[in-house]
Amino acid sequence: MRTTIAIACLIASAPAFAQEIPGIDLSQPPPPQREQPPAEKQPSDEGELPPVDLSKPQGEPKPPPAPSAAKEEEKKGGAPFSEKDVALGDKVKAVQRKGFLKRGRFELTPTFAATVNDAFYEKFGGGLRFAYSLQDSFALALRGNWFTPYRTDNVRVGKLAMQSQLLSSQLTGQVMLDGVWSPIYGKAAFLGKNIVHFDLYLAAGFGAVWSATSFAPRNEGPHFATDLGGGVRFYPKEWFAFDLGLMATLYPDQPVESVPGTVQKVFVANVGISFFFPTTFEYYYP
């Protein structure tokens, strides 16, 4: 009975629901809806940027900012050095290559020679030196000198006034084979204008000398000798040089037969002009 009454109530209330809820008319299209532009999002305090609207055409890109005047001058090469560059320039020094090379070249040097340590018999003469440079700083040299002795007034004073016996050896000539080492090279300004290249050298070797006892009446022949010295050379041209040197020659001799022989020491100053062959040179890179 109760079920029958519930079904009857539902059937009676159905027209009321049909009037309250209108039906959907599918015969007509729905009216168009207007699009509302999205609200722009305000940037937050954290620095966020608003979103980019990709539906709108973008404008032309802005040109990059023009470089500053300092950068333009730097590109053109006219900008001055900065403090960093100046400091680096002070630390890095440019070293020029040598202006004169001797390796593989021959040297011919006529010289004028004079003794400087004999107070009784001064000796003046000339000589010739022939050298070949194995390296730019080392050469082998064959040199010869011939001297003419001159008696000074000290000889007369020593023999007559003091009645002394002179034991000085009278050197007349020498032939020596030397090794020449040039460890120092440099350049100097002449009269504040021209730059002249130079080097300092050391020389040592052995050979033979002739003195007054080498000839008649004693005829002892040449004496074995060694020498040691040094000097400086200036190079105004590629094939030309000035040479200033001082050599010490040591050799045994017995000037007076009644007195034992001693080692004679003769210091000779040399002034020469050197000519180099070939007259030009080329730089080499090891």
C-alpha atoms as a PDB file:
ATOM      1  CA  MET A   1       0.000   0.000   0.000  1.00  0.00           C
ATOM      2  CA  ARG A   2       2.756   2.423   0.985  1.00  0.00           C
ATOM      3  CA  THR A   3       4.662   1.802  -2.275  1.00  0.00           C
ATOM      4  CA  THR A   4       1.582   2.604  -4.326  1.00  0.00           C
ATOM      5  CA  ILE A   5       1.099   5.923  -2.534  1.00  0.00           C
ATOM      6  CA  ALA A   6       4.815   6.974  -3.107  1.00  0.00           C
ATOM      7  CA  ILE A   7       4.629   6.297  -6.853  1.00  0.00           C
ATOM      8  CA  ALA A   8       1.442   8.326  -7.120  1.00  0.00           C
ATOM      9  CA  CYS A   9       3.081  11.295  -5.404  1.00  0.00           C
ATOM     10  CA  LEU A  10       6.080  11.266  -7.783  1.00  0.00           C
ATOM     11  CA  ILE A  11       3.785  11.206 -10.861  1.00  0.00           C
ATOM     12  CA  ALA A  12       1.826  14.198  -9.499  1.00  0.00           C
ATOM     13  CA  SER A  13       4.982  16.325  -8.870  1.00  0.00           C
ATOM     14  CA  ALA A  14       6.695  15.734 -12.327  1.00  0.00           C
ATOM     15  CA  PRO A  15       4.815  18.614 -14.187  1.00  0.00           C
ATOM     16  CA  ALA A  16       6.038  21.076 -11.544  1.00  0.00           C
ATOM     17  CA  PHE A  17       9.741  20.223 -12.180  1.00  0.00           C
ATOM     18  CA  ALA A  18       9.165  20.573 -15.948  1.00  0.00           C
ATOM     19  CA  GLN A  19       7.935  24.116 -15.557  1.00  0.00           C
ATOM     20  CA  GLU A  20      10.784  25.286 -13.280  1.00  0.00           C
ATOM     21  CA  ILE A  21      13.764  24.003 -15.454  1.00  0.00           C
ATOM     22  CA  PRO A  22      13.628  25.257 -19.079  1.00  0.00           C
ATOM     23  CA  GLY A  23      14.793  22.919 -21.801  1.00  0.00           C
ATOM     24  CA  ILE A  24      17.813  23.440 -24.129  1.00  0.00           C
ATOM     25  CA  ASP A  25      16.975  24.591 -27.676  1.00  0.00           C
ATOM     26  CA  LEU A  26      19.474  22.877 -29.956  1.00  0.00           C
ATOM     27  CA  SER A  27      17.995  24.381 -33.134  1.00  0.00           C
ATOM     28  CA  GLN A  28      19.853  27.768 -32.709  1.00  0.00           C
ATOM     29  CA  PRO A  29      23.596  28.386 -32.215  1.00  0.00           C
ATOM     30  CA  PRO A  30      24.738  29.779 -28.877  1.00  0.00           C
ATOM     31  CA  PRO A  31      25.286  33.552 -28.770  1.00  0.00           C
ATOM     32  CA  PRO A  32      28.987  34.634 -29.175  1.00  0.00           C
ATOM     33  CA  GLN A  33      30.839  35.477 -26.000  1.00  0.00           C
ATOM     34  CA  ARG A  34      33.060  38.568 -25.809  1.00  0.00           C
ATOM     35  CA  GLU A  35      36.643  37.880 -24.809  1.00  0.00           C
ATOM     36  CA  GLN A  36      37.867  39.962 -21.969  1.00  0.00           C
ATOM     37  CA  PRO A  37      41.556  41.011 -22.039  1.00  0.00           C
ATOM     38  CA  PRO A  38      43.557  39.388 -19.304  1.00  0.00           C
ATOM     39  CA  ALA A  39      44.321  41.634 -16.453  1.00  0.00           C
ATOM     40  CA  GLU A  40      47.938  42.752 -16.395  1.00  0.00           C
ATOM     41  CA  LYS A  41      49.814  41.382 -13.506  1.00  0.00           C
ATOM     42  CA  GLN A  42      51.493  43.996 -11.506  1.00  0.00           C
ATOM     43  CA  PRO A  43      55.190  43.328 -10.808  1.00  0.00           C
ATOM     44  CA  SER A  44      55.789  42.081  -7.348  1.00  0.00           C
ATOM     45  CA  ASP A  45      58.259  43.441  -4.951  1.00  0.00           C
ATOM     46  CA  GLU A  46      60.690  40.667  -5.818  1.00  0.00           C
ATOM     47  CA  GLY A  47      61.298  42.208  -9.294  1.00  0.00           C
ATOM     48  CA  GLU A  48      59.151  39.822 -11.416  1.00  0.00           C
ATOM     49  CA  LEU A  49      58.326  41.063 -14.909  1.00  0.00           C
ATOM     50  CA  PRO A  50      54.781  40.926 -16.372  1.00  0.00           C
ATOM     51  CA  PRO A  51      54.056  38.051 -18.755  1.00  0.00           C
ATOM     52  CA  VAL A  52      54.566  38.635 -22.450  1.00  0.00           C
ATOM     53  CA  ASP A  53      51.444  38.583 -24.590  1.00  0.00           C
ATOM     54  CA  LEU A  54      52.382  36.417 -27.577  1.00  0.00           C
ATOM     55  CA  SER A  55      49.015  36.965 -29.277  1.00  0.00           C
ATOM     56  CA  LYS A  56      49.941  40.566 -30.126  1.00  0.00           C
ATOM     57  CA  PRO A  57      52.562  41.374 -32.801  1.00  0.00           C
ATOM     58  CA  GLN A  58      55.883  42.311 -31.373  1.00  0.00           C
ATOM     59  CA  GLY A  59      57.515  45.626 -32.301  1.00  0.00           C
ATOM     60  CA  GLU A  60      60.941  45.994 -33.873  1.00  0.00           C
ATOM     61  CA  PRO A  61      63.874  45.159 -31.532  1.00  0.00           C
ATOM     62  CA  LYS A  62      65.571  48.116 -29.987  1.00  0.00           C
ATOM     63  CA  PRO A  63      69.099  48.821 -31.316  1.00  0.00           C
ATOM     64  CA  PRO A  64      71.952  48.063 -28.888  1.00  0.00           C
ATOM     65  CA  PRO A  65      73.356  51.047 -27.058  1.00  0.00           C
ATOM     66  CA  ALA A  66      76.134  52.821 -28.925  1.00  0.00           C
ATOM     67  CA  PRO A  67      79.649  52.116 -27.562  1.00  0.00           C
ATOM     68  CA  SER A  68      81.273  54.818 -25.561  1.00  0.00           C
ATOM     69  CA  ALA A  69      83.860  57.162 -27.028  1.00  0.00           C
ATOM     70  CA  ALA A  70      86.628  55.402 -25.119  1.00  0.00           C
ATOM     71  CA  LYS A  71      85.727  52.033 -26.658  1.00  0.00           C
ATOM     72  CA  GLU A  72      85.609  53.519 -30.166  1.00  0.00           C
ATOM     73  CA  GLU A  73      89.084  55.026 -29.705  1.00  0.00           C
ATOM     74  CA  GLU A  74      90.361  51.714 -28.395  1.00  0.00           C
ATOM     75  CA  LYS A  75      89.058  49.896 -31.498  1.00  0.00           C
ATOM     76  CA  LYS A  76      90.741  52.455 -33.728  1.00  0.00           C
ATOM     77  CA  GLY A  77      94.043  51.993 -31.893  1.00  0.00           C
ATOM     78  CA  GLY A  78      94.147  55.512 -30.557  1.00  0.00           C
ATOM     79  CA  ALA A  79      93.284  54.811 -26.933  1.00  0.00           C
ATOM     80  CA  PRO A  80      96.094  55.527 -24.461  1.00  0.00           C
ATOM     81  CA  PHE A  81      97.657  52.765 -22.394  1.00  0.00           C
ATOM     82  CA  SER A  82      96.025  51.992 -19.127  1.00  0.00           C
ATOM     83  CA  GLU A  83      97.910  51.817 -15.859  1.00  0.00           C
ATOM     84  CA  LYS A  84      98.082  48.048 -16.218  1.00  0.00           C
ATOM     85  CA  ASP A  85      99.684  48.298 -19.646  1.00  0.00           C
ATOM     86  CA  VAL A  86     102.211  50.872 -18.466  1.00  0.00           C
ATOM     87  CA  ALA A  87     103.189  48.691 -15.542  1.00  0.00           C
ATOM     88  CA  LEU A  88     103.632  45.716 -17.854  1.00  0.00           C
ATOM     89  CA  GLY A  89     105.717  47.803 -20.242  1.00  0.00           C
ATOM     90  CA  ASP A  90     108.041  48.733 -17.414  1.00  0.00           C
ATOM     91  CA  LYS A  91     108.590  45.085 -16.564  1.00  0.00           C
ATOM     92  CA  VAL A  92     109.079  43.736 -20.107  1.00  0.00           C
ATOM     93  CA  LYS A  93     112.112  45.225 -21.830  1.00  0.00           C
ATOM     94  CA  ALA A  94     112.770  44.924 -25.554  1.00  0.00           C
ATOM     95  CA  VAL A  95     116.261  43.585 -26.264  1.00  0.00           C
ATOM     96  CA  GLN A  96     117.627  44.303 -29.696  1.00  0.00           C
ATOM     97  CA  ARG A  97     119.663  41.677 -31.457  1.00  0.00           C
ATOM     98  CA  LYS A  98     123.401  42.136 -31.853  1.00  0.00           C
ATOM     99  CA  GLY A  99     124.516  44.587 -34.476  1.00  0.00           C
ATOM    100  CA  PHE A 100     127.723  42.721 -35.332  1.00  0.00           C
ATOM    101  CA  LEU A 101     128.432  38.989 -35.779  1.00  0.00           C
ATOM    102  CA  LYS A 102     131.834  37.330 -36.181  1.00  0.00           C
ATOM    103  CA  ARG A 103     130.995  33.629 -36.456  1.00  0.00           C
ATOM    104  CA  GLY A 104     132.542  32.028 -39.548  1.00  0.00           C
ATOM    105  CA  ARG A 105     134.453  35.172 -40.523  1.00  0.00           C
ATOM    106  CA  PHE A 106     138.179  35.894 -40.903  1.00  0.00           C
ATOM    107  CA  GLU A 107     139.880  38.844 -39.271  1.00  0.00           C
ATOM    108  CA  LEU A 108     143.056  40.570 -40.419  1.00  0.00           C
ATOM    109  CA  THR A 109     144.466  43.191 -38.027  1.00  0.00           C
ATOM    110  CA  PRO A 110     147.619  45.276 -38.566  1.00  0.00           C
ATOM    111  CA  THR A 111     148.790  46.613 -35.184  1.00  0.00           C
ATOM    112  CA  PHE A 112     151.144  49.135 -33.651  1.00  0.00           C
ATOM    113  CA  ALA A 113     152.841  47.835 -30.474  1.00  0.00           C
ATOM    114  CA  ALA A 114     154.889  49.400 -27.696  1.00  0.00           C
ATOM    115  CA  THR A 115     156.192  48.106 -24.361  1.00  0.00           C
ATOM    116  CA  VAL A 116     155.032  49.904 -21.224  1.00  0.00           C
ATOM    117  CA  ASN A 117     157.029  48.340 -18.356  1.00  0.00           C
ATOM    118  CA  ASP A 118     160.716  48.614 -19.345  1.00  0.00           C
ATOM    119  CA  ALA A 119     162.368  51.746 -17.967  1.00  0.00           C
ATOM    120  CA  PHE A 120     165.707  51.118 -19.702  1.00  0.00           C
ATOM    121  CA  TYR A 121     164.908  49.751 -23.166  1.00  0.00           C
ATOM    122  CA  GLU A 122     161.703  50.970 -24.694  1.00  0.00           C
ATOM    123  CA  LYS A 123     160.491  48.878 -27.596  1.00  0.00           C
ATOM    124  CA  PHE A 124     158.318  50.069 -30.452  1.00  0.00           C
ATOM    125  CA  GLY A 125     157.186  48.060 -33.388  1.00  0.00           C
ATOM    126  CA  GLY A 126     154.373  46.689 -35.461  1.00  0.00           C
ATOM    127  CA  GLY A 127     152.664  43.428 -36.108  1.00  0.00           C
ATOM    128  CA  LEU A 128     149.902  41.494 -37.765  1.00  0.00           C
ATOM    129  CA  ARG A 129     147.157  39.275 -36.384  1.00  0.00           C
ATOM    130  CA  PHE A 130     145.136  36.744 -38.354  1.00  0.00           C
ATOM    131  CA  ALA A 131     142.095  35.194 -36.677  1.00  0.00           C
ATOM    132  CA  TYR A 132     139.132  32.973 -37.463  1.00  0.00           C
ATOM    133  CA  SER A 133     135.941  33.048 -35.357  1.00  0.00           C
ATOM    134  CA  LEU A 134     134.656  29.553 -34.564  1.00  0.00           C
ATOM    135  CA  GLN A 135     131.794  31.093 -32.600  1.00  0.00           C
ATOM    136  CA  ASP A 136     130.595  34.627 -32.199  1.00  0.00           C
ATOM    137  CA  SER A 137     132.336  34.752 -28.804  1.00  0.00           C
ATOM    138  CA  PHE A 138     135.443  32.614 -29.512  1.00  0.00           C
ATOM    139  CA  ALA A 139     138.221  32.783 -32.089  1.00  0.00           C
ATOM    140  CA  LEU A 140     141.704  31.409 -32.751  1.00  0.00           C
ATOM    141  CA  ALA A 141     144.333  34.027 -33.554  1.00  0.00           C
ATOM    142  CA  LEU A 142     147.892  33.864 -34.847  1.00  0.00           C
ATOM    143  CA  ARG A 143     149.790  37.068 -34.195  1.00  0.00           C
ATOM    144  CA  GLY A 144     153.330  38.266 -34.661  1.00  0.00           C
ATOM    145  CA  ASN A 145     155.169  41.406 -33.540  1.00  0.00           C
ATOM    146  CA  TRP A 146     158.608  42.774 -34.292  1.00  0.00           C
ATOM    147  CA  PHE A 147     160.240  45.370 -32.043  1.00  0.00           C
ATOM    148  CA  THR A 148     163.068  47.870 -32.281  1.00  0.00           C
ATOM    149  CA  PRO A 149     164.613  48.654 -28.852  1.00  0.00           C
ATOM    150  CA  TYR A 150     165.521  52.210 -27.894  1.00  0.00           C
ATOM    151  CA  ARG A 151     167.874  52.997 -25.042  1.00  0.00           C
ATOM    152  CA  THR A 152     166.573  55.588 -22.603  1.00  0.00           C
ATOM    153  CA  ASP A 153     168.576  57.984 -20.465  1.00  0.00           C
ATOM    154  CA  ASN A 154     168.030  55.655 -17.541  1.00  0.00           C
ATOM    155  CA  VAL A 155     170.611  53.267 -19.056  1.00  0.00           C
ATOM    156  CA  ARG A 156     173.406  55.872 -18.856  1.00  0.00           C
ATOM    157  CA  VAL A 157     172.380  56.913 -15.362  1.00  0.00           C
ATOM    158  CA  GLY A 158     172.248  53.330 -14.185  1.00  0.00           C
ATOM    159  CA  LYS A 159     175.653  52.347 -15.605  1.00  0.00           C
ATOM    160  CA  LEU A 160     177.687  55.463 -14.835  1.00  0.00           C
ATOM    161  CA  ALA A 161     176.165  57.106 -11.793  1.00  0.00           C
ATOM    162  CA  MET A 162     174.974  53.995  -9.981  1.00  0.00           C
ATOM    163  CA  GLN A 163     177.361  51.504 -11.609  1.00  0.00           C
ATOM    164  CA  SER A 164     174.574  48.967 -11.770  1.00  0.00           C
ATOM    165  CA  GLN A 165     174.332  45.931 -14.043  1.00  0.00           C
ATOM    166  CA  LEU A 166     171.208  45.909 -16.227  1.00  0.00           C
ATOM    167  CA  LEU A 167     169.493  42.538 -16.414  1.00  0.00           C
ATOM    168  CA  SER A 168     166.638  43.593 -18.672  1.00  0.00           C
ATOM    169  CA  SER A 169     166.007  41.346 -21.668  1.00  0.00           C
ATOM    170  CA  GLN A 170     165.906  43.053 -25.052  1.00  0.00           C
ATOM    171  CA  LEU A 171     162.862  41.559 -26.787  1.00  0.00           C
ATOM    172  CA  THR A 172     163.028  41.809 -30.575  1.00  0.00           C
ATOM    173  CA  GLY A 173     160.102  39.683 -31.841  1.00  0.00           C
ATOM    174  CA  GLN A 174     157.398  37.169 -31.023  1.00  0.00           C
ATOM    175  CA  VAL A 175     154.954  34.750 -32.697  1.00  0.00           C
ATOM    176  CA  MET A 176     151.979  33.592 -30.595  1.00  0.00           C
ATOM    177  CA  LEU A 177     148.927  31.386 -31.032  1.00  0.00           C
ATOM    178  CA  ASP A 178     146.056  32.661 -28.864  1.00  0.00           C
ATOM    179  CA  GLY A 179     142.525  31.787 -28.014  1.00  0.00           C
ATOM    180  CA  VAL A 180     140.321  34.889 -27.916  1.00  0.00           C
ATOM    181  CA  TRP A 181     137.141  34.850 -25.818  1.00  0.00           C
ATOM    182  CA  SER A 182     134.615  37.724 -25.971  1.00  0.00           C
ATOM    183  CA  PRO A 183     132.191  37.313 -23.037  1.00  0.00           C
ATOM    184  CA  ILE A 184     130.850  40.882 -22.921  1.00  0.00           C
ATOM    185  CA  TYR A 185     129.044  42.700 -25.715  1.00  0.00           C
ATOM    186  CA  GLY A 186     127.444  46.144 -25.657  1.00  0.00           C
ATOM    187  CA  LYS A 187     126.908  49.435 -27.417  1.00  0.00           C
ATOM    188  CA  ALA A 188     127.609  53.063 -26.650  1.00  0.00           C
ATOM    189  CA  ALA A 189     126.506  56.429 -28.026  1.00  0.00           C
ATOM    190  CA  PHE A 190     129.227  58.486 -29.688  1.00  0.00           C
ATOM    191  CA  LEU A 191     128.751  62.256 -29.339  1.00  0.00           C
ATOM    192  CA  GLY A 192     125.150  61.616 -28.375  1.00  0.00           C
ATOM    193  CA  LYS A 193     124.202  60.648 -31.942  1.00  0.00           C
ATOM    194  CA  ASN A 194     125.797  57.513 -33.388  1.00  0.00           C
ATOM    195  CA  ILE A 195     125.584  54.150 -31.634  1.00  0.00           C
ATOM    196  CA  VAL A 196     128.784  52.077 -31.785  1.00  0.00           C
ATOM    197  CA  HIS A 197     128.849  48.380 -30.910  1.00  0.00           C
ATOM    198  CA  PHE A 198     131.741  46.978 -28.895  1.00  0.00           C
ATOM    199  CA  ASP A 199     132.919  43.864 -27.083  1.00  0.00           C
ATOM    200  CA  LEU A 200     135.479  43.065 -24.410  1.00  0.00           C
ATOM    201  CA  TYR A 201     137.795  40.106 -24.940  1.00  0.00           C
ATOM    202  CA  LEU A 202     140.349  37.999 -23.104  1.00  0.00           C
ATOM    203  CA  ALA A 203     143.257  36.303 -24.866  1.00  0.00           C
ATOM    204  CA  ALA A 204     145.729  33.624 -23.775  1.00  0.00           C
ATOM    205  CA  GLY A 205     148.144  31.358 -25.612  1.00  0.00           C
ATOM    206  CA  PHE A 206     151.704  30.238 -26.186  1.00  0.00           C
ATOM    207  CA  GLY A 207     154.437  30.663 -28.759  1.00  0.00           C
ATOM    208  CA  ALA A 208     158.033  31.776 -29.185  1.00  0.00           C
ATOM    209  CA  VAL A 209     159.952  35.017 -28.673  1.00  0.00           C
ATOM    210  CA  TRP A 210     163.328  36.278 -29.864  1.00  0.00           C
ATOM    211  CA  SER A 211     165.584  38.417 -27.688  1.00  0.00           C
ATOM    212  CA  ALA A 212     169.157  39.689 -27.824  1.00  0.00           C
ATOM    213  CA  THR A 213     170.406  36.280 -26.643  1.00  0.00           C
ATOM    214  CA  SER A 214     168.722  34.531 -29.588  1.00  0.00           C
ATOM    215  CA  PHE A 215     171.300  35.882 -32.051  1.00  0.00           C
ATOM    216  CA  ALA A 216     175.076  36.105 -32.257  1.00  0.00           C
ATOM    217  CA  PRO A 217     177.250  35.847 -30.328  1.00  0.00           C
ATOM    218  CA  ARG A 218     175.193  33.539 -28.047  1.00  0.00           C
ATOM    219  CA  ASN A 219     172.811  32.157 -30.681  1.00  0.00           C
ATOM    220  CA  GLU A 220     170.423  30.585 -28.187  1.00  0.00           C
ATOM    221  CA  GLY A 221     167.530  30.706 -30.634  1.00  0.00           C
ATOM    222  CA  PRO A 222     163.869  31.418 -29.813  1.00  0.00           C
ATOM    223  CA  HIS A 223     162.546  31.112 -26.277  1.00  0.00           C
ATOM    224  CA  PHE A 224     159.281  29.407 -25.338  1.00  0.00           C
ATOM    225  CA  ALA A 225     156.729  31.932 -24.101  1.00  0.00           C
ATOM    226  CA  THR A 226     153.178  32.290 -22.896  1.00  0.00           C
ATOM    227  CA  ASP A 227     150.959  35.357 -22.942  1.00  0.00           C
ATOM    228  CA  LEU A 228     147.813  36.633 -21.288  1.00  0.00           C
ATOM    229  CA  GLY A 229     145.831  39.817 -21.822  1.00  0.00           C
ATOM    230  CA  GLY A 230     142.667  41.476 -23.012  1.00  0.00           C
ATOM    231  CA  GLY A 231     141.205  44.462 -24.750  1.00  0.00           C
ATOM    232  CA  VAL A 232     138.206  46.097 -26.338  1.00  0.00           C
ATOM    233  CA  ARG A 233     137.004  46.339 -29.940  1.00  0.00           C
ATOM    234  CA  PHE A 234     134.664  48.919 -31.450  1.00  0.00           C
ATOM    235  CA  TYR A 235     132.615  48.111 -34.573  1.00  0.00           C
ATOM    236  CA  PRO A 236     131.582  51.238 -36.521  1.00  0.00           C
ATOM    237  CA  LYS A 237     131.004  49.142 -39.671  1.00  0.00           C
ATOM    238  CA  GLU A 238     130.053  45.567 -40.516  1.00  0.00           C
ATOM    239  CA  TRP A 239     133.548  44.872 -41.882  1.00  0.00           C
ATOM    240  CA  PHE A 240     135.666  47.256 -39.811  1.00  0.00           C
ATOM    241  CA  ALA A 241     136.744  47.558 -36.150  1.00  0.00           C
ATOM    242  CA  PHE A 242     139.147  49.410 -33.861  1.00  0.00           C
ATOM    243  CA  ASP A 243     141.206  47.260 -31.480  1.00  0.00           C
ATOM    244  CA  LEU A 244     142.824  48.351 -28.213  1.00  0.00           C
ATOM    245  CA  GLY A 245     144.615  45.743 -26.115  1.00  0.00           C
ATOM    246  CA  LEU A 246     147.270  44.978 -23.541  1.00  0.00           C
ATOM    247  CA  MET A 247     149.215  41.690 -23.551  1.00  0.00           C
ATOM    248  CA  ALA A 248     151.682  40.333 -20.970  1.00  0.00           C
ATOM    249  CA  THR A 249     154.341  37.996 -22.394  1.00  0.00           C
ATOM    250  CA  LEU A 250     156.316  35.704 -20.071  1.00  0.00           C
ATOM    251  CA  TYR A 251     159.460  33.826 -21.179  1.00  0.00           C
ATOM    252  CA  PRO A 252     162.730  32.588 -19.590  1.00  0.00           C
ATOM    253  CA  ASP A 253     165.951  34.372 -20.527  1.00  0.00           C
ATOM    254  CA  GLN A 254     169.471  34.961 -19.198  1.00  0.00           C
ATOM    255  CA  PRO A 255     170.592  38.441 -20.298  1.00  0.00           C
ATOM    256  CA  VAL A 256     173.953  38.148 -18.485  1.00  0.00           C
ATOM    257  CA  GLU A 257     175.772  34.819 -18.415  1.00  0.00           C
ATOM    258  CA  SER A 258     177.214  35.442 -14.954  1.00  0.00           C
ATOM    259  CA  VAL A 259     173.724  35.847 -13.504  1.00  0.00           C
ATOM    260  CA  PRO A 260     171.135  33.020 -13.369  1.00  0.00           C
ATOM    261  CA  GLY A 261     168.304  33.240 -15.834  1.00  0.00           C
ATOM    262  CA  THR A 262     164.908  34.595 -14.780  1.00  0.00           C
ATOM    263  CA  VAL A 263     161.410  34.822 -16.153  1.00  0.00           C
ATOM    264  CA  GLN A 264     161.095  37.991 -18.189  1.00  0.00           C
ATOM    265  CA  LYS A 265     157.810  39.903 -18.122  1.00  0.00           C
ATOM    266  CA  VAL A 266     157.022  42.260 -20.986  1.00  0.00           C
ATOM    267  CA  PHE A 267     153.757  44.211 -21.185  1.00  0.00           C
ATOM    268  CA  VAL A 268     152.869  45.310 -24.708  1.00  0.00           C
ATOM    269  CA  ALA A 269     150.119  47.787 -25.635  1.00  0.00           C
ATOM    270  CA  ASN A 270     148.540  47.188 -29.041  1.00  0.00           C
ATOM    271  CA  VAL A 271     146.494  49.501 -31.230  1.00  0.00           C
ATOM    272  CA  GLY A 272     145.063  47.999 -34.395  1.00  0.00           C
ATOM    273  CA  ILE A 273     142.508  48.219 -37.187  1.00  0.00           C
ATOM    274  CA  SER A 274     140.598  45.023 -37.965  1.00  0.00           C
ATOM    275  CA  PHE A 275     139.141  44.028 -41.337  1.00  0.00           C
ATOM    276  CA  PHE A 276     136.597  41.193 -41.512  1.00  0.00           C
ATOM    277  CA  PHE A 277     135.981  38.827 -44.410  1.00  0.00           C
ATOM    278  CA  PRO A 278     133.342  38.268 -45.697  1.00  0.00           C
ATOM    279  CA  THR A 279     132.463  41.916 -45.321  1.00  0.00           C
ATOM    280  CA  THR A 280     128.798  41.159 -44.525  1.00  0.00           C
ATOM    281  CA  PHE A 281     127.049  38.707 -42.210  1.00  0.00           C
ATOM    282  CA  GLU A 282     123.658  37.057 -41.780  1.00  0.00           C
ATOM    283  CA  TYR A 283     121.801  36.273 -38.598  1.00  0.00           C
ATOM    284  CA  TYR A 284     121.396  32.628 -37.733  1.00  0.00           C
ATOM    285  CA  TYR A 285     118.840  31.028 -35.431  1.00  0.00           C
ATOM    286  CA  PRO A 286     119.884  27.848 -33.624  1.00  0.00           C
END
